[in-house]
Structures are given as C-alpha cells and as structure tokens.
C-alpha cells in the first residue's frame, strides 16, 4: 500500500491552488485539492476579479448609452433604462461558466476535489469534512480575506455597510455610496456604481489614491476620477460609522489631525485591503507561525520551514494578485516534481480595471531613483492616433530606464487598454530589454501600443509625435 493517499494535496482552489493542482497532476503526481466553497475558483472567480469585471463592463456600456457619449459617433438612442437585476444575472452567468470550467479541468486532469475545508493534524495529514487525508506534499493556497475596519461591522445582507462581496450584489443603486479606501477594489467598485447613477464619495487615509503605484499615475488618477464625478476626500480617516434606519453616518477627520465632520450615506463600502487567510488551518499543529503581517514565509521554491509543506499566493509575501498566485502555483508544482519552478517577482504587472485602466510593472520612478541614475520618458495618449480616434485622450505611457545600461526598470500606463498593453512591457523586462529594444520594435498602426514605442523612443529623445 502507498504510504500516503496523495503525492500532492492543495488546500484552496483559488487561482494559485487550482493551477497548482492541475500542474501537479499534469506532471504525473496523484493530486487532490481541498475546497469548502460550493464552487471552485476561490475569491477571484466567485466574488473578486471576474464578477467585478463583468459589472465594470456592463456599467461602462450603460454609461455610454445613458449619458450621450454614443451620440458623438452618430449613434442616437432613445430613453435608456437600467435593468440591474439582468446586469447582476449576467455577472452570475460569467462566474458560473468559469467556475464550472475549472471543475471540468479537474476531471480532465484527474484531480480529486475534496469538498470541505482542510485543517492540519500533522505535516502530512489533514482533516477534510471529518475525514483524515494524507499527502507527501501539502500546498497551502488559502488566499486572503477582507481586512476589517476596527469598530465597523459589515453586514452584506443588510446592504448598508458592505465589503467587496456585498458591493457586487447590491439590490438597488445607492443614492450615495461612500467608499472607505482609495485602492484598486474601492475605485473599481466605486466606478461601477457611479456609472449606474450613485453619488460616490471616496475617503482615503493617504493624500493620494492607489498606494504602491507610480507617483505620476497616482496624481493623474485623482484628476481623472474627479472629472468622472467621484468626490475624493484624501488625507482623511474614518473614525466611526453609525447605522440607523437603513442609513449610515460616518465620522471623519483629517488623517494628520483636525476638526471632525460627518458624511451621510445609504451605503458604505469598506475596501481598505485584504489580509492572508490562515484561520482554521491548524498551523500550530505543525509548528508553523506567520509573520507580523500574517503571512507564511517560504524560500525561493515556496517551501516552508516544515518539510513537505509549501505555500503560495496571498498567504505568502508579495502582491495579492491572481496572476502572481497562478505563476506560483505552476512553480511550486514543478518544484515538488523535481523540476525548476521560478517566479520573477520583480516583473509582476498590476492593473486597475477602471475606465481608463491604470497599469504598471517593475519599479516606480520614486523607487528607481533611490537605486541610481535613471532616464524617464512619458508619451501622452492624446498624441496616440488610435486613442484620439476613439475619443480616449486621458493618460500616458511612462518608461523608466537605467541611465547607463538603458535596461527598462519600470513601465506605467494609463489608457483604455492599459491592462493589455502592460503585457508587452512585462515580456520585454523579463527578457532584459533596453528602451532601445522596444523603440526599434515595429508596432502595428494605429494601435494604443504605439504609445509604448514612442515613450521608449523618448528615453533617448527620439519620440516622433510630440
């Protein structure tokens, strides 16, 4: 008899976990994946990346039709009405299709789905739905959960104070939505409900939006979102939220101290970030502790200090991004199989899927300057022929290169398709490209991506269209 039930047991079926399970099975390892949700895909597919993008796209289409922007193209519309129930239904259909697709892939690759939440008994044994299961290797891929705001109770069913999950399923468009947090999640969901008719106020503790992104991007973001009608209260902290009669009253004050004020709202979205989810795993039973940020530390191969136990995704250090988790899932499976699985954490793109999109990869200008002499070039989307033709003037592409070697250190973009454009920059950086390499690569005309070429040309003062 085999010493273990499985060669690999993955705990969690989010983007990192399900990818790790499939890759391990492809490599000939007997694999299982423990997941307690009714559907696979984790936060991303069920209540994160996918449903939010469905609502972002739907709300953009509604905004174009309802607010007259189509008239500029010679398209006249009659009265436009919002069918929120139908919009939410198409979101649900998208989720159902993709989560069902993962279940199909599990069956195709002979991955066993252990339905239930896993907890460690020892380094090679977990309990799932009352049953003990053993594995030679166990991969922790339990993702992250919403960071709570002290003193503020989220009740998604009531719909007055909600988190990102609740904000995806509001039963009606709020008259006034207050978003606590000016990061990716808050701005994406705030944009959805603003386009559908809500007054939206964003309260951000820091003095700029989008923490972690390039300084120029953050400054431009504030201008763009203000122009779109979002009321931004930057450098402001929330000190309390009271609910009475289906309404909320927020008490706020300047982050650096000052006079308090109140804001009335009929819906409050708490979006101050996410934290690693390790509750209930029984890490203490295997002698594994988390760091000060609640993360599980690993080596470059994603192995923890406990032999046979590995960790990937949001529970380990690094950006909490689905694509980062996916790459780590492939890498950890290959390392378990005796191959060489590597993730270059210096080249992980990040995207904000608003309109326009904000994207970046590599170092910010601020971080790059701390390391040495650099050259920086920006090319405005207003000068890009495709963006101009499409009436998309907002944004720019920014290339940051080492002054001596010309190697690209970072690329930042604001454009309608910045999330797609950034892939080229990531690929270039993965291959160690110089700005000259990008500048002398022929780009199709007319495309938004020509803005990246022009920005790269500008590093050496050779931009043509500005």
Protein backbone atom coordinates (compact mmCIF):
# COMPACT_ATOMS: atom_id res chain seq x y z
CA UNK A 1 0.00 0.00 0.00
CA UNK A 2 1.07 3.57 -0.70
CA UNK A 3 2.47 5.44 2.28
CA UNK A 4 0.24 8.44 1.51
CA UNK A 5 -3.19 8.90 -0.07
CA UNK A 6 -1.80 11.52 -2.44
CA UNK A 7 1.50 12.82 -3.71
CA UNK A 8 0.19 16.39 -3.53
CA UNK A 9 -2.71 17.89 -1.61
CA UNK A 10 -3.52 21.53 -2.29
CA UNK A 11 -5.53 23.43 0.29
CA UNK A 12 -7.64 26.00 -1.52
CA UNK A 13 -8.94 26.15 -5.10
CA UNK A 14 -8.35 29.79 -5.93
CA UNK A 15 -6.14 30.88 -8.85
CA UNK A 16 -2.99 29.65 -7.09
CA UNK A 17 -4.46 26.45 -5.71
CA UNK A 18 -6.36 25.12 -8.69
CA UNK A 19 -3.46 25.90 -11.04
CA UNK A 20 -1.01 24.15 -8.69
CA UNK A 21 -3.29 21.10 -8.56
CA UNK A 22 -3.69 20.89 -12.32
CA UNK A 23 0.02 21.35 -12.98
CA UNK A 24 0.94 18.73 -10.39
CA UNK A 25 -1.46 16.26 -12.00
CA UNK A 26 -0.02 17.06 -15.44
CA UNK A 27 3.39 16.12 -14.07
CA UNK A 28 2.15 12.67 -13.10
CA UNK A 29 1.58 13.28 -9.40
CA UNK A 30 -1.52 11.89 -7.71
CA UNK A 31 -3.25 15.10 -6.70
CA UNK A 32 -6.17 16.32 -4.63
CA UNK A 33 -7.47 19.79 -3.87
CA UNK A 34 -9.48 20.63 -0.74
CA UNK A 35 -12.03 23.40 -1.18
CA UNK A 36 -15.03 24.16 1.03
CA UNK A 37 -16.85 26.55 -1.31
CA UNK A 38 -19.66 25.13 -3.39
CA UNK A 39 -17.75 26.18 -6.49
CA UNK A 40 -14.07 26.23 -7.42
CA UNK A 41 -12.05 29.34 -8.27
CA UNK A 42 -11.68 30.99 -4.87
CA UNK A 43 -12.31 34.67 -4.22
CA UNK A 44 -11.13 35.69 -7.70
CA UNK A 45 -13.69 33.81 -9.74
CA UNK A 46 -16.54 33.82 -7.24
CA UNK A 47 -16.54 37.24 -5.57
CA UNK A 48 -13.50 39.10 -6.90
CA UNK A 49 -11.77 39.56 -10.26
CA UNK A 50 -14.37 38.01 -12.52
CA UNK A 51 -17.70 39.35 -11.20
CA UNK A 52 -16.23 42.83 -10.71
CA UNK A 53 -15.04 42.90 -14.33
CA UNK A 54 -18.47 41.79 -15.50
CA UNK A 55 -20.03 44.74 -13.67
CA UNK A 56 -17.34 47.14 -14.83
CA UNK A 57 -18.00 46.24 -18.45
CA UNK A 58 -21.77 46.31 -18.08
CA UNK A 59 -21.73 49.65 -16.29
CA UNK A 60 -19.49 51.15 -18.98
CA UNK A 61 -21.91 50.09 -21.70
CA UNK A 62 -24.81 51.58 -19.73
CA UNK A 63 -22.91 54.82 -19.17
CA UNK A 64 -22.13 55.18 -22.87
CA UNK A 65 -25.77 54.65 -23.80
CA UNK A 66 -27.38 56.66 -20.99
CA UNK A 67 -25.13 59.69 -20.92
CA UNK A 68 -24.95 60.58 -24.57
CA UNK A 69 -21.36 59.65 -25.33
CA UNK A 70 -22.51 57.47 -28.24
CA UNK A 71 -24.04 60.49 -29.97
CA UNK A 72 -20.59 61.69 -30.90
CA UNK A 73 -20.26 58.61 -33.10
CA UNK A 74 -23.55 59.28 -34.83
CA UNK A 75 -25.48 56.79 -32.71
CA UNK A 76 -28.77 58.13 -31.40
CA UNK A 77 -30.53 56.29 -28.61
CA UNK A 78 -33.94 56.68 -27.06
CA UNK A 79 -34.60 56.63 -23.33
CA UNK A 80 -32.15 54.26 -21.64
CA UNK A 81 -33.20 52.26 -18.59
CA UNK A 82 -31.10 50.21 -16.21
CA UNK A 83 -32.18 46.63 -15.53
CA UNK A 84 -29.97 45.99 -12.52
CA UNK A 85 -31.35 42.50 -11.99
CA UNK A 86 -30.35 41.50 -15.52
CA UNK A 87 -26.92 43.09 -15.15
CA UNK A 88 -26.31 41.11 -11.95
CA UNK A 89 -27.61 37.97 -13.65
CA UNK A 90 -25.09 38.21 -16.49
CA UNK A 91 -22.37 38.64 -13.86
CA UNK A 92 -23.57 35.43 -12.20
CA UNK A 93 -23.61 33.62 -15.54
CA UNK A 94 -19.99 34.59 -16.18
CA UNK A 95 -18.97 33.29 -12.77
CA UNK A 96 -20.91 30.05 -13.21
CA UNK A 97 -19.33 29.39 -16.60
CA UNK A 98 -15.76 29.90 -15.39
CA UNK A 99 -16.06 28.06 -12.08
CA UNK A 100 -17.70 25.17 -13.92
CA UNK A 101 -14.80 25.23 -16.34
CA UNK A 102 -12.34 24.60 -13.52
CA UNK A 103 -14.37 21.64 -12.33
CA UNK A 104 -14.16 20.26 -15.88
CA UNK A 105 -10.37 20.78 -15.87
CA UNK A 106 -10.09 18.92 -12.56
CA UNK A 107 -11.90 15.94 -14.06
CA UNK A 108 -9.87 16.12 -17.26
CA UNK A 109 -6.58 16.10 -15.35
CA UNK A 110 -7.76 13.59 -12.73
CA UNK A 111 -7.53 15.99 -9.79
CA UNK A 112 -9.68 14.85 -6.87
CA UNK A 113 -11.84 17.58 -5.34
CA UNK A 114 -12.09 17.03 -1.60
CA UNK A 115 -15.20 19.03 -0.72
CA UNK A 116 -14.61 20.71 2.61
CA UNK A 117 -12.17 22.94 4.48
CA UNK A 118 -8.88 21.34 5.44
CA UNK A 119 -7.10 21.58 8.78
CA UNK A 120 -3.72 20.13 9.66
CA UNK A 121 -3.33 17.18 12.01
CA UNK A 122 0.37 16.91 11.25
CA UNK A 123 2.71 17.88 8.40
CA UNK A 124 1.35 15.13 6.14
CA UNK A 125 -2.21 14.76 7.40
CA UNK A 126 -5.27 17.00 7.17
CA UNK A 127 -8.89 16.59 8.14
CA UNK A 128 -11.43 17.43 5.45
CA UNK A 129 -15.14 17.17 6.25
CA UNK A 130 -14.39 14.82 9.13
CA UNK A 131 -12.11 12.54 7.11
CA UNK A 132 -8.35 12.25 7.52
CA UNK A 133 -6.35 12.51 4.31
CA UNK A 134 -2.60 12.09 3.94
CA UNK A 135 -0.20 13.51 1.37
CA UNK A 136 3.54 13.54 0.85
CA UNK A 137 3.35 17.23 -0.04
CA UNK A 138 0.78 19.75 1.11
CA UNK A 139 0.44 23.16 -0.54
CA UNK A 140 -1.24 25.97 1.39
CA UNK A 141 -3.12 28.18 -1.07
CA UNK A 142 -5.92 29.56 1.08
CA UNK A 143 -5.80 33.10 -0.29
CA UNK A 144 -6.90 36.21 1.54
CA UNK A 145 -9.95 37.77 3.15
CA UNK A 146 -11.23 41.30 3.56
CA UNK A 147 -9.36 43.45 6.07
CA UNK A 148 -11.90 44.69 8.64
CA UNK A 149 -12.08 48.29 9.77
CA UNK A 150 -11.96 48.38 13.57
CA UNK A 151 -15.28 49.40 15.08
CA UNK A 152 -17.20 49.00 11.80
CA UNK A 153 -19.41 45.93 11.37
CA UNK A 154 -20.00 44.70 7.83
CA UNK A 155 -23.43 43.20 7.11
CA UNK A 156 -23.71 42.35 3.42
CA UNK A 157 -27.28 41.07 3.79
CA UNK A 158 -28.49 44.38 5.21
CA UNK A 159 -26.71 46.23 2.41
CA UNK A 160 -25.82 49.37 4.39
CA UNK A 161 -22.22 48.58 5.38
CA UNK A 162 -20.76 46.14 2.89
CA UNK A 163 -17.41 44.72 1.83
CA UNK A 164 -16.32 43.96 -1.73
CA UNK A 165 -18.52 40.86 -1.83
CA UNK A 166 -21.62 42.76 -0.82
CA UNK A 167 -20.86 45.60 -3.23
CA UNK A 168 -21.10 43.13 -6.12
CA UNK A 169 -24.73 42.31 -5.33
CA UNK A 170 -26.47 45.45 -4.12
CA UNK A 171 -30.21 45.16 -4.71
CA UNK A 172 -30.52 48.75 -5.86
CA UNK A 173 -28.30 51.62 -6.94
CA UNK A 174 -27.44 53.63 -3.81
CA UNK A 175 -28.29 57.32 -3.79
CA UNK A 176 -24.99 57.96 -2.02
CA UNK A 177 -22.21 55.39 -1.76
CA UNK A 178 -19.24 56.14 0.45
CA UNK A 179 -16.14 54.07 -0.31
CA UNK A 180 -13.63 53.75 2.51
CA UNK A 181 -10.31 53.17 0.77
CA UNK A 182 -8.85 54.63 -2.42
CA UNK A 183 -7.14 51.49 -3.62
CA UNK A 184 -7.89 49.17 -6.53
CA UNK A 185 -11.01 47.50 -5.15
CA UNK A 186 -12.61 50.68 -3.88
CA UNK A 187 -12.06 52.59 -7.11
CA UNK A 188 -13.24 49.76 -9.35
CA UNK A 189 -16.47 49.16 -7.44
CA UNK A 190 -16.98 52.85 -6.80
CA UNK A 191 -16.72 53.42 -10.56
CA UNK A 192 -19.35 50.76 -11.23
CA UNK A 193 -21.99 52.34 -9.02
CA UNK A 194 -21.11 55.90 -10.05
CA UNK A 195 -21.76 54.97 -13.67
CA UNK A 196 -25.06 53.36 -12.70
CA UNK A 197 -26.23 56.57 -11.07
CA UNK A 198 -24.95 56.74 -7.50
CA UNK A 199 -23.23 59.70 -5.94
CA UNK A 200 -19.86 58.29 -4.86
CA UNK A 201 -17.53 59.67 -2.21
CA UNK A 202 -14.11 58.07 -1.74
CA UNK A 203 -12.44 58.50 1.65
CA UNK A 204 -8.72 57.72 1.58
CA UNK A 205 -6.37 57.92 4.57
CA UNK A 206 -3.34 58.82 2.41
CA UNK A 207 -3.01 62.04 0.43
CA UNK A 208 -3.20 60.23 -2.92
CA UNK A 209 -5.10 57.33 -4.46
CA UNK A 210 -3.70 53.93 -5.47
CA UNK A 211 -0.97 53.25 -2.89
CA UNK A 212 2.04 51.48 -4.37
CA UNK A 213 1.67 52.80 -7.90
CA UNK A 214 3.94 55.33 -9.60
CA UNK A 215 3.63 58.91 -8.36
CA UNK A 216 2.63 60.35 -11.74
CA UNK A 217 -0.05 57.69 -12.09
CA UNK A 218 -1.45 58.48 -8.65
CA UNK A 219 -1.63 62.21 -9.38
CA UNK A 220 -3.31 61.66 -12.72
CA UNK A 221 -5.75 59.19 -11.18
CA UNK A 222 -7.10 61.86 -8.84
CA UNK A 223 -7.69 64.22 -11.79
CA UNK A 224 -9.42 61.55 -13.86
CA UNK A 225 -11.72 60.29 -11.12
CA UNK A 226 -12.69 63.83 -10.11
CA UNK A 227 -13.56 64.55 -13.74
CA UNK A 228 -15.72 61.42 -13.75
CA UNK A 229 -17.70 62.73 -10.80
CA UNK A 230 -16.18 60.94 -7.82
CA UNK A 231 -15.91 63.10 -4.72
CA UNK A 232 -12.44 62.45 -3.30
CA UNK A 233 -11.65 63.10 0.34
CA UNK A 234 -7.94 62.42 0.51
CA UNK A 235 -5.84 62.60 3.66
CA UNK A 236 -8.96 61.69 5.61
CA UNK A 237 -9.64 58.95 8.12
CA UNK A 238 -12.90 57.38 9.23
CA UNK A 239 -13.24 57.34 13.00
CA UNK A 240 -16.70 55.78 13.21
CA UNK A 241 -19.76 54.60 11.31
CA UNK A 242 -23.24 54.54 12.85
CA UNK A 243 -26.25 52.87 11.24
CA UNK A 244 -29.80 53.97 11.90
CA UNK A 245 -32.91 53.25 9.90
CA UNK A 246 -31.10 51.89 6.86
CA UNK A 247 -28.78 54.90 6.65
CA UNK A 248 -25.17 55.35 7.74
CA UNK A 249 -23.43 58.32 9.29
CA UNK A 250 -19.64 58.40 9.00
CA UNK A 251 -17.48 60.48 11.27
CA UNK A 252 -14.29 61.60 9.54
CA UNK A 253 -11.35 63.85 10.29
CA UNK A 254 -8.05 64.80 8.65
CA UNK A 255 -5.51 61.97 8.86
CA UNK A 256 -2.97 64.31 10.43
CA UNK A 257 -5.48 65.59 12.95
CA UNK A 258 -8.10 68.31 12.80
CA UNK A 259 -11.78 69.07 13.09
CA UNK A 260 -14.21 66.16 12.73
CA UNK A 261 -17.09 66.11 10.25
CA UNK A 262 -19.88 63.75 9.29
CA UNK A 263 -20.98 62.22 5.98
CA UNK A 264 -24.45 60.76 5.42
CA UNK A 265 -24.77 57.74 3.14
CA UNK A 266 -27.21 54.96 2.37
CA UNK A 267 -24.40 52.51 1.57
CA UNK A 268 -20.81 52.27 2.80
CA UNK A 269 -18.20 50.07 1.12
CA UNK A 270 -15.28 49.08 3.33
CA UNK A 271 -12.36 48.49 0.97
CA UNK A 272 -9.18 49.04 2.96
CA UNK A 273 -7.35 45.97 1.70
CA UNK A 274 -7.05 42.24 2.21
CA UNK A 275 -5.15 40.03 4.66
CA UNK A 276 -3.80 36.45 4.41
CA UNK A 277 -6.40 33.86 5.32
CA UNK A 278 -4.91 31.18 7.58
CA UNK A 279 -7.59 30.93 10.28
CA UNK A 280 -8.67 27.37 10.98
CA UNK A 281 -5.73 25.73 9.23
CA UNK A 282 -4.18 24.49 12.46
CA UNK A 283 -0.73 25.80 11.62
CA UNK A 284 0.22 25.50 15.28
CA UNK A 285 -0.12 21.72 15.00
CA UNK A 286 2.77 21.61 12.54
CA UNK A 287 4.86 24.29 14.24
CA UNK A 288 4.35 26.88 11.51
CA UNK A 289 3.94 30.51 12.57
CA UNK A 290 3.02 33.55 10.48
CA UNK A 291 5.00 36.79 10.34
CA UNK A 292 3.87 40.20 11.62
CA UNK A 293 1.71 40.68 8.51
CA UNK A 294 0.03 37.32 8.90
CA UNK A 295 1.98 35.78 6.01
CA UNK A 296 3.66 32.40 5.76
CA UNK A 297 7.36 32.75 4.96
CA UNK A 298 8.85 30.47 2.30
CA UNK A 299 12.12 30.05 0.43
CA UNK A 300 12.50 30.72 -3.30
CA UNK A 301 11.00 27.32 -4.06
CA UNK A 302 7.87 28.12 -1.97
CA UNK A 303 8.81 25.57 0.68
CA UNK A 304 8.05 26.48 4.29
CA UNK A 305 10.33 25.57 7.18
CA UNK A 306 8.20 22.44 7.70
CA UNK A 307 9.36 19.63 5.43
CA UNK A 308 6.71 18.70 2.87
CA UNK A 309 4.61 21.82 3.44
CA UNK A 310 4.59 24.55 0.79
CA UNK A 311 2.75 27.87 0.45
CA UNK A 312 1.79 30.18 -2.43
CA UNK A 313 -0.44 33.11 -3.36
CA UNK A 314 -1.92 35.64 -1.00
CA UNK A 315 -0.73 33.82 2.13
CA UNK A 316 2.94 34.46 1.25
CA UNK A 317 4.76 37.82 0.87
CA UNK A 318 4.23 39.80 -2.33
CA UNK A 319 1.34 41.49 -4.12
CA UNK A 320 -2.07 39.87 -3.64
CA UNK A 321 -2.77 39.27 -7.31
CA UNK A 322 -4.41 36.31 -9.02
CA UNK A 323 -1.81 36.09 -11.78
CA UNK A 324 1.04 36.13 -9.26
CA UNK A 325 -0.66 33.23 -7.45
CA UNK A 326 -1.13 31.33 -10.72
CA UNK A 327 2.55 31.59 -11.60
CA UNK A 328 3.48 30.46 -8.11
CA UNK A 329 1.07 27.54 -8.44
CA UNK A 330 2.86 26.33 -11.55
CA UNK A 331 6.26 26.87 -9.96
CA UNK A 332 5.50 25.03 -6.72
CA UNK A 333 4.11 22.02 -8.60
CA UNK A 334 7.23 21.87 -10.74
CA UNK A 335 9.48 22.16 -7.69
CA UNK A 336 7.61 19.32 -5.97
CA UNK A 337 8.08 17.22 -9.10
CA UNK A 338 11.84 17.83 -9.04
CA UNK A 339 11.88 20.40 -11.81
CA UNK A 340 12.86 24.06 -11.53
CA UNK A 341 9.90 26.34 -10.89
CA UNK A 342 10.73 30.04 -10.82
CA UNK A 343 8.69 33.23 -10.47
CA UNK A 344 10.34 36.56 -11.19
CA UNK A 345 8.67 38.72 -8.56
CA UNK A 346 10.36 41.82 -9.97
CA UNK A 347 8.13 41.57 -13.05
CA UNK A 348 4.56 41.21 -11.78
CA UNK A 349 2.16 43.58 -13.56
CA UNK A 350 -0.64 45.29 -11.66
CA UNK A 351 -3.82 46.68 -13.20
CA UNK A 352 -6.75 48.82 -12.08
CA UNK A 353 -9.66 47.95 -14.39
CA UNK A 354 -11.46 51.28 -14.35
CA UNK A 355 -12.04 53.46 -17.42
CA UNK A 356 -9.37 54.28 -18.35
CA UNK A 357 -7.27 51.46 -16.94
CA UNK A 358 -4.17 52.05 -14.83
CA UNK A 359 -1.31 49.57 -15.14
CA UNK A 360 2.30 49.17 -14.19
CA UNK A 361 5.15 46.70 -13.99
CA UNK A 362 8.55 46.93 -12.34
CA UNK A 363 9.80 49.89 -10.34
CA UNK A 364 8.07 53.20 -9.78
CA UNK A 365 10.08 56.29 -10.68
CA UNK A 366 10.47 57.03 -6.98
CA UNK A 367 11.88 53.56 -6.21
CA UNK A 368 14.13 53.58 -9.28
CA UNK A 369 15.70 56.93 -8.35
CA UNK A 370 16.69 55.53 -4.98
CA UNK A 371 18.77 52.86 -6.75
CA UNK A 372 20.72 55.13 -9.09
CA UNK A 373 20.63 57.39 -12.11
CA UNK A 374 17.70 56.87 -14.46
CA UNK A 375 16.11 58.28 -17.59
CA UNK A 376 12.36 58.76 -17.79
CA UNK A 377 10.10 59.36 -20.77
CA UNK A 378 6.35 59.97 -20.92
CA UNK A 379 4.17 59.89 -24.00
CA UNK A 380 0.59 61.23 -23.77
CA UNK A 381 -2.30 59.14 -25.08
CA UNK A 382 -3.67 62.37 -26.52
CA UNK A 383 -0.91 62.12 -29.15
CA UNK A 384 -1.68 58.47 -29.95
CA UNK A 385 -3.71 58.19 -33.15
CA UNK A 386 -5.89 55.26 -32.04
CA UNK A 387 -6.71 56.82 -28.67
CA UNK A 388 -7.51 60.11 -30.35
CA UNK A 389 -9.74 58.45 -32.93
CA UNK A 390 -11.59 56.60 -30.16
CA UNK A 391 -12.04 59.82 -28.13
CA UNK A 392 -9.85 58.46 -25.33
CA UNK A 393 -7.50 61.35 -24.55
CA UNK A 394 -6.75 60.57 -20.91
CA UNK A 395 -3.49 59.02 -19.81
CA UNK A 396 0.08 58.39 -20.83
CA UNK A 397 2.76 55.72 -21.05
CA UNK A 398 5.87 56.15 -18.96
CA UNK A 399 9.14 54.25 -19.43
CA UNK A 400 11.83 54.24 -16.74
CA UNK A 401 15.29 53.05 -17.81
CA UNK A 402 18.71 52.77 -16.22
CA UNK A 403 20.78 55.77 -17.37
CA UNK A 404 23.90 53.69 -18.00
CA UNK A 405 22.66 50.36 -19.32
CA UNK A 406 19.34 51.58 -20.82
CA UNK A 407 17.69 48.49 -19.31
CA UNK A 408 13.98 49.04 -18.65
CA UNK A 409 13.28 49.21 -14.92
CA UNK A 410 9.57 50.02 -14.99
CA UNK A 411 6.66 50.89 -17.25
CA UNK A 412 3.46 52.66 -16.21
CA UNK A 413 0.41 53.34 -18.33
CA UNK A 414 -2.99 54.98 -18.19
CA UNK A 415 -5.11 54.09 -21.21
CA UNK A 416 -8.38 52.41 -22.10
CA UNK A 417 -6.48 49.15 -22.68
CA UNK A 418 -3.52 49.69 -20.35
CA UNK A 419 -4.04 46.27 -18.77
CA UNK A 420 -3.43 44.61 -22.11
CA UNK A 421 -0.63 46.95 -23.13
CA UNK A 422 1.36 46.24 -19.98
CA UNK A 423 1.89 42.62 -21.03
CA UNK A 424 4.32 43.76 -23.72
CA UNK A 425 6.28 45.73 -21.15
CA UNK A 426 6.40 42.77 -18.78
CA UNK A 427 7.63 40.48 -21.54
CA UNK A 428 10.30 42.99 -22.55
CA UNK A 429 11.50 43.31 -18.96
CA UNK A 430 11.51 39.53 -18.48
CA UNK A 431 13.94 39.31 -21.40
CA UNK A 432 16.07 42.16 -20.04
CA UNK A 433 15.12 44.59 -22.80
CA UNK A 434 16.51 48.09 -23.13
CA UNK A 435 14.33 51.05 -24.03
CA UNK A 436 16.04 50.96 -27.42
CA UNK A 437 14.87 47.36 -27.93
CA UNK A 438 11.26 48.49 -27.52
CA UNK A 439 11.79 51.65 -29.55
CA UNK A 440 13.13 49.72 -32.54
CA UNK A 441 10.45 47.03 -32.44
CA UNK A 442 7.83 47.64 -35.13
CA UNK A 443 4.37 48.22 -33.67
CA UNK A 444 1.16 47.95 -35.69
CA UNK A 445 -0.52 51.21 -36.64
CA UNK A 446 -2.90 52.50 -35.45
CA UNK A 447 -2.81 50.87 -32.01
CA UNK A 448 -2.67 52.08 -28.44
CA UNK A 449 0.57 50.12 -28.03
CA UNK A 450 2.38 52.60 -30.26
CA UNK A 451 2.36 54.87 -27.21
CA UNK A 452 4.75 52.45 -25.50
CA UNK A 453 7.04 52.52 -28.52
CA UNK A 454 7.00 56.33 -28.53
CA UNK A 455 7.68 56.50 -24.79
CA UNK A 456 10.62 54.16 -25.26
CA UNK A 457 11.90 56.31 -28.13
CA UNK A 458 11.62 59.32 -25.85
CA UNK A 459 14.11 57.88 -23.37
CA UNK A 460 16.79 58.91 -25.87
CA UNK A 461 14.95 61.99 -27.06
CA UNK A 462 13.71 60.37 -30.28
CA UNK A 463 9.92 60.46 -29.89
CA UNK A 464 8.26 61.41 -33.17
CA UNK A 465 4.73 62.54 -32.37
CA UNK A 466 5.37 65.02 -29.56
